[in-house]
């Protein structure tokens, strides 16, 4: 597994969809995950440590976990199937027992931001879904993300694309 950090929250200009960009902490590789608008708002508030007057779903999840004396050990983006990513939230119960819960990556990331838990991506998922940044320096990488990155480089064929190609 690779530990990742949220490098950017972007908008795909082709689909006008929000995209969260995860960067491997130990390399210059990064991978995008297309997410919904509500999830993008939740992630943006988590990045800015913002709060609504009433708790959002991810704030509520955090409060419930903490009130039950549990913790989030980590989140793992565990697989990709037909263009959809899957994640697991690894929780520790008050007695120390670990429990894994199936979740969407966007919800997992929003929760991880609020709790401060690490984000991991399975090696195969990261290798299949990421590209290498040509820059070694952090500020050069940020400039690449903001001004030069083409999200279409990340597009993966869907099952429907595969069926169309096989029929040709």
Protein backbone atom coordinates (compact mmCIF):
# COMPACT_ATOMS: atom_id res chain seq x y z
CA UNK A 1 0.00 0.00 0.00
CA UNK A 2 1.03 3.56 -0.63
CA UNK A 3 0.33 6.42 1.71
CA UNK A 4 -1.22 9.30 -0.17
CA UNK A 5 -2.02 12.90 0.51
CA UNK A 6 -4.63 15.14 -1.02
CA UNK A 7 -2.74 17.33 -3.42
CA UNK A 8 -5.60 19.24 -5.00
CA UNK A 9 -9.32 19.52 -5.43
CA UNK A 10 -9.94 20.35 -9.08
CA UNK A 11 -12.74 20.59 -11.62
CA UNK A 12 -12.49 18.50 -14.79
CA UNK A 13 -13.10 21.05 -17.56
CA UNK A 14 -14.54 18.39 -19.90
CA UNK A 15 -17.20 17.01 -17.55
CA UNK A 16 -17.37 19.93 -15.10
CA UNK A 17 -17.04 17.30 -12.35
CA UNK A 18 -14.96 17.70 -9.21
CA UNK A 19 -11.79 15.65 -8.97
CA UNK A 20 -9.68 14.94 -5.90
CA UNK A 21 -6.00 14.40 -6.74
CA UNK A 22 -4.10 12.01 -4.48
CA UNK A 23 -0.29 12.07 -4.52
CA UNK A 24 1.94 9.27 -3.26
CA UNK A 25 3.90 10.62 -0.28
CA UNK A 26 7.05 8.77 -1.43
CA UNK A 27 7.09 9.55 -5.14
CA UNK A 28 5.90 12.06 -7.69
CA UNK A 29 3.02 9.86 -8.85
CA UNK A 30 -0.54 11.10 -8.51
CA UNK A 31 -4.01 9.73 -9.26
CA UNK A 32 -7.39 11.44 -9.63
CA UNK A 33 -10.76 10.31 -8.34
CA UNK A 34 -13.85 11.91 -9.85
CA UNK A 35 -16.36 12.74 -7.12
CA UNK A 36 -19.75 14.37 -6.67
CA UNK A 37 -20.33 18.03 -5.90
CA UNK A 38 -21.59 17.41 -2.34
CA UNK A 39 -18.52 15.28 -1.59
CA UNK A 40 -16.26 17.97 -3.06
CA UNK A 41 -17.80 20.52 -0.70
CA UNK A 42 -17.27 18.15 2.25
CA UNK A 43 -13.63 17.61 1.25
CA UNK A 44 -13.07 21.35 0.70
CA UNK A 45 -14.40 22.11 4.19
CA UNK A 46 -12.18 19.36 5.60
CA UNK A 47 -9.14 20.81 3.84
CA UNK A 48 -9.92 24.26 5.22
CA UNK A 49 -10.93 22.94 8.66
CA UNK A 50 -14.25 24.68 8.08
CA UNK A 51 -17.46 23.88 9.87
CA UNK A 52 -21.11 24.50 9.15
CA UNK A 53 -23.35 25.77 11.94
CA UNK A 54 -24.85 22.27 12.10
CA UNK A 55 -22.69 19.16 11.57
CA UNK A 56 -22.38 17.75 8.07
CA UNK A 57 -22.51 13.98 7.65
CA UNK A 58 -18.73 13.55 7.97
CA UNK A 59 -18.61 15.75 11.08
CA UNK A 60 -21.42 13.64 12.54
CA UNK A 61 -19.53 10.42 11.70
CA UNK A 62 -16.45 11.80 13.46
CA UNK A 63 -18.46 12.72 16.56
CA UNK A 64 -20.15 9.31 16.71
CA UNK A 65 -16.86 7.44 16.37
CA UNK A 66 -15.20 9.59 19.03
CA UNK A 67 -18.20 9.44 21.41
CA UNK A 68 -18.10 5.64 21.16
CA UNK A 69 -14.38 5.80 22.10
CA UNK A 70 -13.38 4.44 18.70
CA UNK A 71 -10.91 5.78 16.18
CA UNK A 72 -10.20 5.71 12.47
CA UNK A 73 -6.88 3.93 11.99
CA UNK A 74 -6.73 4.60 8.26
CA UNK A 75 -8.70 4.64 5.07
CA UNK A 76 -7.73 2.49 2.12
CA UNK A 77 -8.73 2.95 -1.49
CA UNK A 78 -8.73 -0.75 -2.10
CA UNK A 79 -9.84 -1.44 -5.64
CA UNK A 80 -11.12 -0.13 -8.93
CA UNK A 81 -13.77 -1.88 -11.01
CA UNK A 82 -14.99 -0.54 -14.32
CA UNK A 83 -13.94 3.01 -13.51
CA UNK A 84 -15.37 3.02 -9.97
CA UNK A 85 -13.11 3.16 -6.93
CA UNK A 86 -13.89 1.35 -3.68
CA UNK A 87 -12.60 2.18 -0.22
CA UNK A 88 -12.49 0.74 3.28
CA UNK A 89 -12.54 2.70 6.52
CA UNK A 90 -10.49 0.83 9.12
CA UNK A 91 -11.91 1.57 12.55
CA UNK A 92 -10.61 0.58 15.96
CA UNK A 93 -13.23 -0.12 18.59
CA UNK A 94 -12.74 1.05 22.17
CA UNK A 95 -11.31 -2.39 23.09
CA UNK A 96 -8.78 -2.27 20.25
CA UNK A 97 -10.55 -4.62 17.81
CA UNK A 98 -10.31 -3.48 14.18
CA UNK A 99 -13.37 -3.31 11.97
CA UNK A 100 -13.43 -2.50 8.26
CA UNK A 101 -16.37 -0.68 6.71
CA UNK A 102 -17.07 -0.40 2.98
CA UNK A 103 -17.32 3.24 1.87
CA UNK A 104 -16.97 5.51 -1.10
CA UNK A 105 -13.50 7.02 -1.45
CA UNK A 106 -14.90 10.55 -1.32
CA UNK A 107 -16.67 9.93 2.01
CA UNK A 108 -13.59 8.17 3.35
CA UNK A 109 -11.35 11.08 2.39
CA UNK A 110 -13.75 13.64 3.92
CA UNK A 111 -13.76 11.66 7.18
CA UNK A 112 -9.97 11.18 7.16
CA UNK A 113 -9.50 14.95 6.83
CA UNK A 114 -11.65 15.61 9.89
CA UNK A 115 -10.00 12.94 12.01
CA UNK A 116 -6.45 13.28 10.72
CA UNK A 117 -6.13 9.62 9.78
CA UNK A 118 -3.81 8.48 6.98
CA UNK A 119 -5.01 7.72 3.47
CA UNK A 120 -3.65 4.67 1.67
CA UNK A 121 -4.11 3.37 -1.86
CA UNK A 122 -3.61 -0.28 -2.78
CA UNK A 123 -0.48 -0.70 -4.90
CA UNK A 124 -2.29 -2.15 -7.93
CA UNK A 125 -4.93 0.59 -7.90
CA UNK A 126 -2.26 3.28 -7.70
CA UNK A 127 -0.06 1.73 -10.38
CA UNK A 128 -3.01 1.35 -12.76
CA UNK A 129 -4.50 4.80 -12.11
CA UNK A 130 -1.59 7.19 -11.62
CA UNK A 131 0.90 9.08 -13.73
CA UNK A 132 4.41 10.24 -12.92
CA UNK A 133 4.87 13.95 -12.50
CA UNK A 134 7.95 15.21 -14.34
CA UNK A 135 8.90 17.39 -11.37
CA UNK A 136 10.94 16.58 -8.30
CA UNK A 137 10.34 19.80 -6.38
CA UNK A 138 7.09 20.33 -4.49
CA UNK A 139 6.39 23.80 -5.90
CA UNK A 140 7.09 22.55 -9.43
CA UNK A 141 4.60 19.75 -8.86
CA UNK A 142 1.98 22.25 -7.65
CA UNK A 143 2.54 24.38 -10.77
CA UNK A 144 2.14 21.23 -12.89
CA UNK A 145 -1.18 20.44 -11.15
CA UNK A 146 -2.49 23.97 -11.49
CA UNK A 147 -1.34 24.86 -15.00
CA UNK A 148 -0.19 21.90 -17.07
CA UNK A 149 -1.90 18.69 -15.98
CA UNK A 150 -4.35 17.22 -18.46
CA UNK A 151 -6.96 15.14 -16.63
CA UNK A 152 -7.75 13.27 -19.84
CA UNK A 153 -4.40 11.50 -19.43
CA UNK A 154 -5.96 9.67 -16.49
CA UNK A 155 -9.11 8.47 -18.21
CA UNK A 156 -9.52 4.72 -18.07
CA UNK A 157 -11.79 2.74 -20.35
CA UNK A 158 -15.07 1.65 -18.83
CA UNK A 159 -16.70 -1.74 -19.31
CA UNK A 160 -18.91 -0.18 -21.98
CA UNK A 161 -15.81 1.08 -23.84
CA UNK A 162 -14.32 -2.43 -23.67
CA UNK A 163 -17.49 -4.00 -25.07
CA UNK A 164 -17.56 -1.46 -27.93
CA UNK A 165 -13.90 -2.14 -28.76
CA UNK A 166 -14.48 -5.92 -28.76
CA UNK A 167 -17.49 -5.54 -31.09
CA UNK A 168 -15.43 -3.56 -33.63
